[in-house]
Amino acid sequence: MTAPAPCIRIAGLGKTYPGQSLPALQAIDLDVAQGEFLALVGASGCGKSTLLRLIAGLEAPTSGGIWLDDAPVTGPGPERAVVFQDYSLYPWLTVLENVRFCRSLRVHTGNASDSQAASAVERSYALLDVMGLDAVRDHYPNQLSGGMRQRVAIARALMAQPRVLLMDEPFGALDAQTREVMHELILRLFEIERSTIVFVTHDVEEAVYLASRVVVLAPHPGRVDGVHTLSLPPPGERHPDLKLAPELLQWKKTVLERIRATSGVQHDLDKLNRLAELSRRRTPT
């Protein structure tokens, strides 16, 4: 069976910030297939968010490059949408106005017909409905919970029907119960929209549960340690009970072990154990 052509191709990618001798990213080679859900994990400082911003075109690489359908990425584009952890909503716009904001930009409206404009209006209402936001469409962001604000941010990103959805710790600030709901929501949307998703997270269980492949990045400098293709049901067929399944727990263990091996966590734990042993020796009996 022939592998699908990559939607995103990353080759020899490097990023060094001015004034820093150590690259943030070095020699990144990675392909992302059309319609794939790819998760990026790794210890702090491994360059996950930097890599996402480079794919988005929000930053420029120092070396190598990124291609979307063989066209080089040289800046942001309407075919890519980004969802950040901090929601990034416009506080002076209502929920509905925030969701429709991208449709007011010239890149989306310059050659739009009346029927396309009408279709966009219908899509905004449909997104609010599937996100459970229809009842608050006239509210402002400060009137919403964190989970609702993030739903608005995702709806806004999906409004232009991007081919690639880039998500940087989108659920990191949410409580555990809301995160569970958002996991099911994003899997449902992934099944409906068929976008390619690149998802950055610190939560290994979240990465393994949502993605079809998990990329572990190692720090100092940021580089690919390994790519794990998960032998689990397709993302669109997953259910919360899978989080307790032995096969998912084994994948979580495998990925965690790689992060610990590349981040120096085990060395730090060994030092803590030695400190604890010294403390016990000094405690009078």
C-alpha atoms as a PDB file:
ATOM      1  CA  MET A   1       0.000   0.000   0.000  1.00  0.00           C
ATOM      2  CA  THR A   2       1.433   3.396  -1.026  1.00  0.00           C
ATOM      3  CA  ALA A   3       1.856   5.928   1.773  1.00  0.00           C
ATOM      4  CA  PRO A   4      -0.136   9.153   1.327  1.00  0.00           C
ATOM      5  CA  ALA A   5       1.781  12.132  -0.033  1.00  0.00           C
ATOM      6  CA  PRO A   6       2.925  14.512   2.705  1.00  0.00           C
ATOM      7  CA  CYS A   7       0.820  17.604   3.255  1.00  0.00           C
ATOM      8  CA  ILE A   8       3.673  19.193   5.216  1.00  0.00           C
ATOM      9  CA  ARG A   9       7.335  18.439   4.525  1.00  0.00           C
ATOM     10  CA  ILE A  10      10.048  19.645   6.886  1.00  0.00           C
ATOM     11  CA  ALA A  11      13.665  19.172   5.832  1.00  0.00           C
ATOM     12  CA  GLY A  12      16.911  20.178   7.549  1.00  0.00           C
ATOM     13  CA  LEU A  13      15.013  22.710   9.632  1.00  0.00           C
ATOM     14  CA  GLY A  14      16.990  24.781  12.088  1.00  0.00           C
ATOM     15  CA  LYS A  15      16.226  27.849  14.195  1.00  0.00           C
ATOM     16  CA  THR A  16      18.704  29.897  16.179  1.00  0.00           C
ATOM     17  CA  TYR A  17      17.546  33.071  17.905  1.00  0.00           C
ATOM     18  CA  PRO A  18      19.777  36.188  17.893  1.00  0.00           C
ATOM     19  CA  GLY A  19      22.159  36.278  20.822  1.00  0.00           C
ATOM     20  CA  GLN A  20      21.868  32.538  21.514  1.00  0.00           C
ATOM     21  CA  SER A  21      24.664  30.140  20.644  1.00  0.00           C
ATOM     22  CA  LEU A  22      22.578  26.995  21.087  1.00  0.00           C
ATOM     23  CA  PRO A  23      19.947  26.404  18.380  1.00  0.00           C
ATOM     24  CA  ALA A  24      16.312  26.155  19.464  1.00  0.00           C
ATOM     25  CA  LEU A  25      15.858  23.556  16.708  1.00  0.00           C
ATOM     26  CA  GLN A  26      18.421  21.607  14.718  1.00  0.00           C
ATOM     27  CA  ALA A  27      18.176  19.337  11.668  1.00  0.00           C
ATOM     28  CA  ILE A  28      14.445  18.611  11.893  1.00  0.00           C
ATOM     29  CA  ASP A  29      13.222  16.217   9.199  1.00  0.00           C
ATOM     30  CA  LEU A  30       9.537  15.337   9.365  1.00  0.00           C
ATOM     31  CA  ASP A  31       6.607  14.647   7.032  1.00  0.00           C
ATOM     32  CA  VAL A  32       2.949  15.117   8.006  1.00  0.00           C
ATOM     33  CA  ALA A  33       0.360  13.371   5.829  1.00  0.00           C
ATOM     34  CA  GLN A  34      -2.844  14.972   4.624  1.00  0.00           C
ATOM     35  CA  GLY A  35      -5.607  14.294   7.171  1.00  0.00           C
ATOM     36  CA  GLU A  36      -3.180  13.171   9.888  1.00  0.00           C
ATOM     37  CA  PHE A  37      -3.420  14.035  13.594  1.00  0.00           C
ATOM     38  CA  LEU A  38       0.185  14.512  14.728  1.00  0.00           C
ATOM     39  CA  ALA A  39       1.190  15.355  18.308  1.00  0.00           C
ATOM     40  CA  LEU A  40       4.475  16.982  19.372  1.00  0.00           C
ATOM     41  CA  VAL A  41       5.704  16.252  22.905  1.00  0.00           C
ATOM     42  CA  GLY A  42       8.926  16.679  24.814  1.00  0.00           C
ATOM     43  CA  ALA A  43      10.543  18.361  27.788  1.00  0.00           C
ATOM     44  CA  SER A  44      10.517  22.140  28.206  1.00  0.00           C
ATOM     45  CA  GLY A  45      13.022  23.771  25.878  1.00  0.00           C
ATOM     46  CA  CYS A  46      12.761  21.147  23.142  1.00  0.00           C
ATOM     47  CA  GLY A  47      11.271  23.611  20.647  1.00  0.00           C
ATOM     48  CA  LYS A  48       7.708  22.280  20.266  1.00  0.00           C
ATOM     49  CA  SER A  49       6.074  25.708  20.085  1.00  0.00           C
ATOM     50  CA  THR A  50       8.905  27.075  17.952  1.00  0.00           C
ATOM     51  CA  LEU A  51       8.350  24.292  15.422  1.00  0.00           C
ATOM     52  CA  LEU A  52       4.615  25.018  15.370  1.00  0.00           C
ATOM     53  CA  ARG A  53       5.212  28.737  14.814  1.00  0.00           C
ATOM     54  CA  LEU A  54       7.581  27.942  11.959  1.00  0.00           C
ATOM     55  CA  ILE A  55       4.943  25.747  10.296  1.00  0.00           C
ATOM     56  CA  ALA A  56       2.441  28.578  10.772  1.00  0.00           C
ATOM     57  CA  GLY A  57       4.843  30.992   9.101  1.00  0.00           C
ATOM     58  CA  LEU A  58       4.927  33.229  12.171  1.00  0.00           C
ATOM     59  CA  GLU A  59       8.711  32.837  12.350  1.00  0.00           C
ATOM     60  CA  ALA A  60      11.376  32.193   9.725  1.00  0.00           C
ATOM     61  CA  PRO A  61      13.865  29.304   9.927  1.00  0.00           C
ATOM     62  CA  THR A  62      17.595  29.852  10.145  1.00  0.00           C
ATOM     63  CA  SER A  63      18.290  26.815   7.953  1.00  0.00           C
ATOM     64  CA  GLY A  64      16.326  24.247   5.985  1.00  0.00           C
ATOM     65  CA  GLY A  65      12.699  24.771   5.132  1.00  0.00           C
ATOM     66  CA  ILE A  66       9.035  23.817   5.336  1.00  0.00           C
ATOM     67  CA  TRP A  67       6.827  23.019   2.354  1.00  0.00           C
ATOM     68  CA  LEU A  68       3.057  22.783   2.159  1.00  0.00           C
ATOM     69  CA  ASP A  69       2.070  20.775  -0.924  1.00  0.00           C
ATOM     70  CA  ASP A  70       5.552  21.451  -2.354  1.00  0.00           C
ATOM     71  CA  ALA A  71       5.136  25.226  -1.955  1.00  0.00           C
ATOM     72  CA  PRO A  72       7.627  26.769   0.500  1.00  0.00           C
ATOM     73  CA  VAL A  73       6.191  28.300   3.653  1.00  0.00           C
ATOM     74  CA  THR A  74       7.365  31.917   3.732  1.00  0.00           C
ATOM     75  CA  GLY A  75       4.724  33.417   6.034  1.00  0.00           C
ATOM     76  CA  PRO A  76       1.195  32.936   7.365  1.00  0.00           C
ATOM     77  CA  GLY A  77      -1.516  31.785   4.966  1.00  0.00           C
ATOM     78  CA  PRO A  78      -5.271  31.131   4.993  1.00  0.00           C
ATOM     79  CA  GLU A  79      -4.715  27.402   4.498  1.00  0.00           C
ATOM     80  CA  ARG A  80      -3.216  27.241   8.022  1.00  0.00           C
ATOM     81  CA  ALA A  81      -4.992  28.273  11.234  1.00  0.00           C
ATOM     82  CA  VAL A  82      -3.508  28.467  14.730  1.00  0.00           C
ATOM     83  CA  VAL A  83      -5.150  27.940  18.124  1.00  0.00           C
ATOM     84  CA  PHE A  84      -3.095  29.173  21.084  1.00  0.00           C
ATOM     85  CA  GLN A  85      -3.398  28.354  24.785  1.00  0.00           C
ATOM     86  CA  ASP A  86      -4.428  31.900  25.732  1.00  0.00           C
ATOM     87  CA  TYR A  87      -7.517  31.973  23.439  1.00  0.00           C
ATOM     88  CA  SER A  88      -6.449  35.237  21.687  1.00  0.00           C
ATOM     89  CA  LEU A  89     -10.030  36.455  21.305  1.00  0.00           C
ATOM     90  CA  TYR A  90     -10.964  40.067  20.594  1.00  0.00           C
ATOM     91  CA  PRO A  91     -12.607  41.306  23.809  1.00  0.00           C
ATOM     92  CA  TRP A  92     -14.638  44.020  22.027  1.00  0.00           C
ATOM     93  CA  LEU A  93     -16.297  41.461  19.701  1.00  0.00           C
ATOM     94  CA  THR A  94     -19.113  39.078  20.571  1.00  0.00           C
ATOM     95  CA  VAL A  95     -18.751  35.316  20.237  1.00  0.00           C
ATOM     96  CA  LEU A  96     -20.368  35.372  16.796  1.00  0.00           C
ATOM     97  CA  GLU A  97     -18.273  38.338  15.670  1.00  0.00           C
ATOM     98  CA  ASN A  98     -15.075  36.624  16.862  1.00  0.00           C
ATOM     99  CA  VAL A  99     -15.940  33.480  14.926  1.00  0.00           C
ATOM    100  CA  ARG A 100     -16.720  35.449  11.775  1.00  0.00           C
ATOM    101  CA  PHE A 101     -13.703  37.740  12.071  1.00  0.00           C
ATOM    102  CA  CYS A 102     -11.512  35.877   9.574  1.00  0.00           C
ATOM    103  CA  ARG A 103     -14.259  36.117   6.953  1.00  0.00           C
ATOM    104  CA  SER A 104     -13.969  39.918   7.074  1.00  0.00           C
ATOM    105  CA  LEU A 105     -10.323  39.788   5.955  1.00  0.00           C
ATOM    106  CA  ARG A 106      -9.572  40.613   2.334  1.00  0.00           C
ATOM    107  CA  VAL A 107      -7.804  37.282   1.761  1.00  0.00           C
ATOM    108  CA  HIS A 108     -11.164  35.533   2.274  1.00  0.00           C
ATOM    109  CA  THR A 109     -13.564  38.115   0.800  1.00  0.00           C
ATOM    110  CA  GLY A 110     -11.713  39.576  -2.181  1.00  0.00           C
ATOM    111  CA  ASN A 111     -13.269  37.249  -4.770  1.00  0.00           C
ATOM    112  CA  ALA A 112     -16.180  35.837  -2.764  1.00  0.00           C
ATOM    113  CA  SER A 113     -19.538  35.497  -4.494  1.00  0.00           C
ATOM    114  CA  ASP A 114     -22.872  36.194  -2.822  1.00  0.00           C
ATOM    115  CA  SER A 115     -23.489  32.459  -2.473  1.00  0.00           C
ATOM    116  CA  GLN A 116     -20.074  31.959  -0.834  1.00  0.00           C
ATOM    117  CA  ALA A 117     -20.794  34.803   1.585  1.00  0.00           C
ATOM    118  CA  ALA A 118     -24.159  33.244   2.461  1.00  0.00           C
ATOM    119  CA  SER A 119     -22.486  29.862   2.924  1.00  0.00           C
ATOM    120  CA  ALA A 120     -19.984  31.441   5.321  1.00  0.00           C
ATOM    121  CA  VAL A 121     -22.824  32.849   7.420  1.00  0.00           C
ATOM    122  CA  GLU A 122     -24.415  29.400   7.594  1.00  0.00           C
ATOM    123  CA  ARG A 123     -21.071  27.861   8.539  1.00  0.00           C
ATOM    124  CA  SER A 124     -20.621  30.279  11.431  1.00  0.00           C
ATOM    125  CA  TYR A 125     -23.986  29.264  12.889  1.00  0.00           C
ATOM    126  CA  ALA A 126     -23.240  25.575  12.321  1.00  0.00           C
ATOM    127  CA  LEU A 127     -19.900  25.868  14.129  1.00  0.00           C
ATOM    128  CA  LEU A 128     -21.515  27.636  17.080  1.00  0.00           C
ATOM    129  CA  ASP A 129     -24.105  24.882  17.244  1.00  0.00           C
ATOM    130  CA  VAL A 130     -21.625  21.985  17.186  1.00  0.00           C
ATOM    131  CA  MET A 131     -19.461  23.792  19.752  1.00  0.00           C
ATOM    132  CA  GLY A 132     -22.410  24.274  22.108  1.00  0.00           C
ATOM    133  CA  LEU A 133     -22.082  28.060  21.847  1.00  0.00           C
ATOM    134  CA  ASP A 134     -25.326  29.026  20.140  1.00  0.00           C
ATOM    135  CA  ALA A 135     -26.910  30.257  23.387  1.00  0.00           C
ATOM    136  CA  VAL A 136     -23.981  32.626  24.079  1.00  0.00           C
ATOM    137  CA  ARG A 137     -23.308  33.911  20.560  1.00  0.00           C
ATOM    138  CA  ASP A 138     -24.088  37.509  21.601  1.00  0.00           C
ATOM    139  CA  HIS A 139     -21.905  37.337  24.740  1.00  0.00           C
ATOM    140  CA  TYR A 140     -18.435  38.848  25.027  1.00  0.00           C
ATOM    141  CA  PRO A 141     -15.316  36.792  25.910  1.00  0.00           C
ATOM    142  CA  ASN A 142     -15.176  38.102  29.508  1.00  0.00           C
ATOM    143  CA  GLN A 143     -18.635  36.623  30.078  1.00  0.00           C
ATOM    144  CA  LEU A 144     -17.474  33.087  29.190  1.00  0.00           C
ATOM    145  CA  SER A 145     -15.704  30.313  31.049  1.00  0.00           C
ATOM    146  CA  GLY A 146     -12.217  29.222  29.956  1.00  0.00           C
ATOM    147  CA  GLY A 147     -13.594  26.183  28.178  1.00  0.00           C
ATOM    148  CA  MET A 148     -16.128  28.278  26.267  1.00  0.00           C
ATOM    149  CA  ARG A 149     -13.469  30.809  25.239  1.00  0.00           C
ATOM    150  CA  GLN A 150     -11.322  28.016  23.855  1.00  0.00           C
ATOM    151  CA  ARG A 151     -14.293  26.642  21.921  1.00  0.00           C
ATOM    152  CA  VAL A 152     -14.746  30.094  20.377  1.00  0.00           C
ATOM    153  CA  ALA A 153     -11.049  30.160  19.425  1.00  0.00           C
ATOM    154  CA  ILE A 154     -11.322  26.741  17.771  1.00  0.00           C
ATOM    155  CA  ALA A 155     -14.516  27.716  15.944  1.00  0.00           C
ATOM    156  CA  ARG A 156     -12.831  30.878  14.669  1.00  0.00           C
ATOM    157  CA  ALA A 157      -9.841  28.831  13.446  1.00  0.00           C
ATOM    158  CA  LEU A 158     -12.145  26.407  11.634  1.00  0.00           C
ATOM    159  CA  MET A 159     -14.307  29.135  10.095  1.00  0.00           C
ATOM    160  CA  ALA A 160     -12.111  29.459   6.995  1.00  0.00           C
ATOM    161  CA  GLN A 161     -11.964  25.664   6.557  1.00  0.00           C
ATOM    162  CA  PRO A 162      -8.158  25.503   6.852  1.00  0.00           C
ATOM    163  CA  ARG A 163      -6.353  22.494   5.456  1.00  0.00           C
ATOM    164  CA  VAL A 164      -3.973  22.572   8.445  1.00  0.00           C
ATOM    165  CA  LEU A 165      -4.963  23.274  12.055  1.00  0.00           C
ATOM    166  CA  LEU A 166      -2.036  24.086  14.353  1.00  0.00           C
ATOM    167  CA  MET A 167      -2.777  23.845  18.087  1.00  0.00           C
ATOM    168  CA  ASP A 168      -0.310  25.027  20.744  1.00  0.00           C
ATOM    169  CA  GLU A 169      -1.248  23.654  24.189  1.00  0.00           C
ATOM    170  CA  PRO A 170      -4.902  24.520  23.503  1.00  0.00           C
ATOM    171  CA  PHE A 171      -6.231  22.784  26.616  1.00  0.00           C
ATOM    172  CA  GLY A 172      -3.323  23.448  28.981  1.00  0.00           C
ATOM    173  CA  ALA A 173      -5.147  26.045  31.100  1.00  0.00           C
ATOM    174  CA  LEU A 174      -8.382  24.065  31.464  1.00  0.00           C
ATOM    175  CA  ASP A 175      -9.509  21.961  34.413  1.00  0.00           C
ATOM    176  CA  ALA A 176      -9.523  18.172  34.101  1.00  0.00           C
ATOM    177  CA  GLN A 177     -13.259  17.834  33.472  1.00  0.00           C
ATOM    178  CA  THR A 178     -13.281  20.500  30.757  1.00  0.00           C
ATOM    179  CA  ARG A 179     -10.239  18.924  29.115  1.00  0.00           C
ATOM    180  CA  GLU A 180     -12.150  15.639  28.835  1.00  0.00           C
ATOM    181  CA  VAL A 181     -14.984  17.401  27.036  1.00  0.00           C
ATOM    182  CA  MET A 182     -12.545  19.222  24.734  1.00  0.00           C
ATOM    183  CA  HIS A 183     -10.820  15.943  23.837  1.00  0.00           C
ATOM    184  CA  GLU A 184     -14.094  14.483  22.602  1.00  0.00           C
ATOM    185  CA  LEU A 185     -14.948  17.715  20.811  1.00  0.00           C
ATOM    186  CA  ILE A 186     -11.657  17.920  18.914  1.00  0.00           C
ATOM    187  CA  LEU A 187     -11.860  14.251  17.879  1.00  0.00           C
ATOM    188  CA  ARG A 188     -15.401  14.791  16.611  1.00  0.00           C
ATOM    189  CA  LEU A 189     -14.347  17.883  14.678  1.00  0.00           C
ATOM    190  CA  PHE A 190     -11.331  16.043  13.277  1.00  0.00           C
ATOM    191  CA  GLU A 191     -13.647  13.363  11.935  1.00  0.00           C
ATOM    192  CA  ILE A 192     -16.021  15.955  10.402  1.00  0.00           C
ATOM    193  CA  GLU A 193     -13.558  18.515   9.025  1.00  0.00           C
ATOM    194  CA  ARG A 194     -10.762  16.177   7.900  1.00  0.00           C
ATOM    195  CA  SER A 195      -8.134  18.859   8.509  1.00  0.00           C
ATOM    196  CA  THR A 196      -4.509  17.979   9.103  1.00  0.00           C
ATOM    197  CA  ILE A 197      -3.788  18.686  12.783  1.00  0.00           C
ATOM    198  CA  VAL A 198      -0.411  19.347  14.420  1.00  0.00           C
ATOM    199  CA  PHE A 199      -0.943  19.447  18.171  1.00  0.00           C
ATOM    200  CA  VAL A 200       1.582  20.587  20.794  1.00  0.00           C
ATOM    201  CA  THR A 201       1.110  19.377  24.375  1.00  0.00           C
ATOM    202  CA  HIS A 202       2.987  18.613  27.590  1.00  0.00           C
ATOM    203  CA  ASP A 203       0.376  15.978  28.484  1.00  0.00           C
ATOM    204  CA  VAL A 204       1.555  12.600  27.190  1.00  0.00           C
ATOM    205  CA  GLU A 205      -1.783  10.893  27.814  1.00  0.00           C
ATOM    206  CA  GLU A 206      -3.504  13.639  25.830  1.00  0.00           C
ATOM    207  CA  ALA A 207      -1.059  13.196  22.951  1.00  0.00           C
ATOM    208  CA  VAL A 208      -1.436   9.411  22.835  1.00  0.00           C
ATOM    209  CA  TYR A 209      -5.229   9.554  23.126  1.00  0.00           C
ATOM    210  CA  LEU A 210      -5.743  12.153  20.387  1.00  0.00           C
ATOM    211  CA  ALA A 211      -3.036  11.525  17.801  1.00  0.00           C
ATOM    212  CA  SER A 212      -2.257   8.853  15.257  1.00  0.00           C
ATOM    213  CA  ARG A 213       1.489   9.584  15.578  1.00  0.00           C
ATOM    214  CA  VAL A 214       3.460  11.134  18.422  1.00  0.00           C
ATOM    215  CA  VAL A 215       6.764  12.901  17.779  1.00  0.00           C
ATOM    216  CA  VAL A 216       9.125  13.141  20.763  1.00  0.00           C
ATOM    217  CA  LEU A 217      11.467  16.130  20.612  1.00  0.00           C
ATOM    218  CA  ALA A 218      14.661  16.191  22.649  1.00  0.00           C
ATOM    219  CA  PRO A 219      16.016  19.492  24.045  1.00  0.00           C
ATOM    220  CA  HIS A 220      19.309  21.428  23.869  1.00  0.00           C
ATOM    221  CA  PRO A 221      19.157  21.710  20.903  1.00  0.00           C
ATOM    222  CA  GLY A 222      15.624  20.773  19.896  1.00  0.00           C
ATOM    223  CA  ARG A 223      15.683  17.717  17.651  1.00  0.00           C
ATOM    224  CA  VAL A 224      13.568  14.698  16.765  1.00  0.00           C
ATOM    225  CA  ASP A 225      14.245  11.848  19.185  1.00  0.00           C
ATOM    226  CA  GLY A 226      11.678   9.496  17.678  1.00  0.00           C
ATOM    227  CA  VAL A 227       8.363   9.187  15.855  1.00  0.00           C
ATOM    228  CA  HIS A 228       5.854   6.740  17.354  1.00  0.00           C
ATOM    229  CA  THR A 229       3.070   5.388  15.135  1.00  0.00           C
ATOM    230  CA  LEU A 230       0.345   4.334  17.564  1.00  0.00           C
ATOM    231  CA  SER A 231      -1.298   0.945  17.118  1.00  0.00           C
ATOM    232  CA  LEU A 232      -4.645   2.206  18.404  1.00  0.00           C
ATOM    233  CA  PRO A 233      -8.068   2.730  16.784  1.00  0.00           C
ATOM    234  CA  PRO A 234      -8.174   5.702  14.370  1.00  0.00           C
ATOM    235  CA  PRO A 235      -8.703   9.013  16.232  1.00  0.00           C
ATOM    236  CA  GLY A 236     -12.269   9.278  14.963  1.00  0.00           C
ATOM    237  CA  GLU A 237     -13.166   5.926  16.571  1.00  0.00           C
ATOM    238  CA  ARG A 238     -11.718   6.565  20.034  1.00  0.00           C
ATOM    239  CA  HIS A 239     -13.742   6.661  23.234  1.00  0.00           C
ATOM    240  CA  PRO A 240     -12.782   7.955  26.723  1.00  0.00           C
ATOM    241  CA  ASP A 241     -12.598   4.359  28.025  1.00  0.00           C
ATOM    242  CA  LEU A 242      -9.546   3.914  25.788  1.00  0.00           C
ATOM    243  CA  LYS A 243      -7.552   6.023  28.270  1.00  0.00           C
ATOM    244  CA  LEU A 244      -7.713   3.064  30.679  1.00  0.00           C
ATOM    245  CA  ALA A 245      -6.900   0.419  28.070  1.00  0.00           C
ATOM    246  CA  PRO A 246      -3.587  -1.489  28.505  1.00  0.00           C
ATOM    247  CA  GLU A 247      -2.429  -0.679  24.978  1.00  0.00           C
ATOM    248  CA  LEU A 248      -2.813   3.075  25.504  1.00  0.00           C
ATOM    249  CA  LEU A 249      -1.127   2.901  28.903  1.00  0.00           C
ATOM    250  CA  GLN A 250       1.773   1.038  27.311  1.00  0.00           C
ATOM    251  CA  TRP A 251       2.178   3.718  24.651  1.00  0.00           C
ATOM    252  CA  LYS A 252       2.034   6.391  27.352  1.00  0.00           C
ATOM    253  CA  LYS A 253       4.790   4.572  29.244  1.00  0.00           C
ATOM    254  CA  THR A 254       6.937   4.256  26.111  1.00  0.00           C
ATOM    255  CA  VAL A 255       6.662   7.953  25.245  1.00  0.00           C
ATOM    256  CA  LEU A 256       7.249   9.055  28.867  1.00  0.00           C
ATOM    257  CA  GLU A 257      10.385   6.924  29.054  1.00  0.00           C
ATOM    258  CA  ARG A 258      11.771   8.618  25.948  1.00  0.00           C
ATOM    259  CA  ILE A 259      11.029  12.084  27.328  1.00  0.00           C
ATOM    260  CA  ARG A 260      12.743  11.201  30.598  1.00  0.00           C
ATOM    261  CA  ALA A 261      15.728   9.739  28.772  1.00  0.00           C
ATOM    262  CA  THR A 262      16.227  12.872  26.672  1.00  0.00           C
ATOM    263  CA  SER A 263      15.463  15.522  29.277  1.00  0.00           C
ATOM    264  CA  GLY A 264      17.716  14.632  32.199  1.00  0.00           C
ATOM    265  CA  VAL A 265      14.707  14.003  34.461  1.00  0.00           C
ATOM    266  CA  GLN A 266      16.066  10.643  35.571  1.00  0.00           C
ATOM    267  CA  HIS A 267      19.370  12.269  36.547  1.00  0.00           C
ATOM    268  CA  ASP A 268      17.456  14.840  38.617  1.00  0.00           C
ATOM    269  CA  LEU A 269      15.462  12.072  40.317  1.00  0.00           C
ATOM    270  CA  ASP A 270      18.697  10.259  41.163  1.00  0.00           C
ATOM    271  CA  LYS A 271      20.029  13.436  42.795  1.00  0.00           C
ATOM    272  CA  LEU A 272      16.822  13.784  44.815  1.00  0.00           C
ATOM    273  CA  ASN A 273      17.110  10.188  45.969  1.00  0.00           C
ATOM    274  CA  ARG A 274      20.698  10.788  47.105  1.00  0.00           C
ATOM    275  CA  LEU A 275      19.590  13.923  48.985  1.00  0.00           C
ATOM    276  CA  ALA A 276      16.798  11.958  50.670  1.00  0.00           C
ATOM    277  CA  GLU A 277      19.262   9.246  51.674  1.00  0.00           C
ATOM    278  CA  LEU A 278      21.624  11.826  53.197  1.00  0.00           C
ATOM    279  CA  SER A 279      18.704  13.372  55.109  1.00  0.00           C
ATOM    280  CA  ARG A 280      17.736   9.988  56.537  1.00  0.00           C
ATOM    281  CA  ARG A 281      21.294   9.375  57.696  1.00  0.00           C
ATOM    282  CA  ARG A 282      21.401  12.702  59.548  1.00  0.00           C
ATOM    283  CA  THR A 283      18.005  12.251  61.257  1.00  0.00           C
ATOM    284  CA  PRO A 284      18.582  11.245  64.877  1.00  0.00           C
ATOM    285  CA  THR A 285      16.975   7.979  65.978  1.00  0.00           C
END
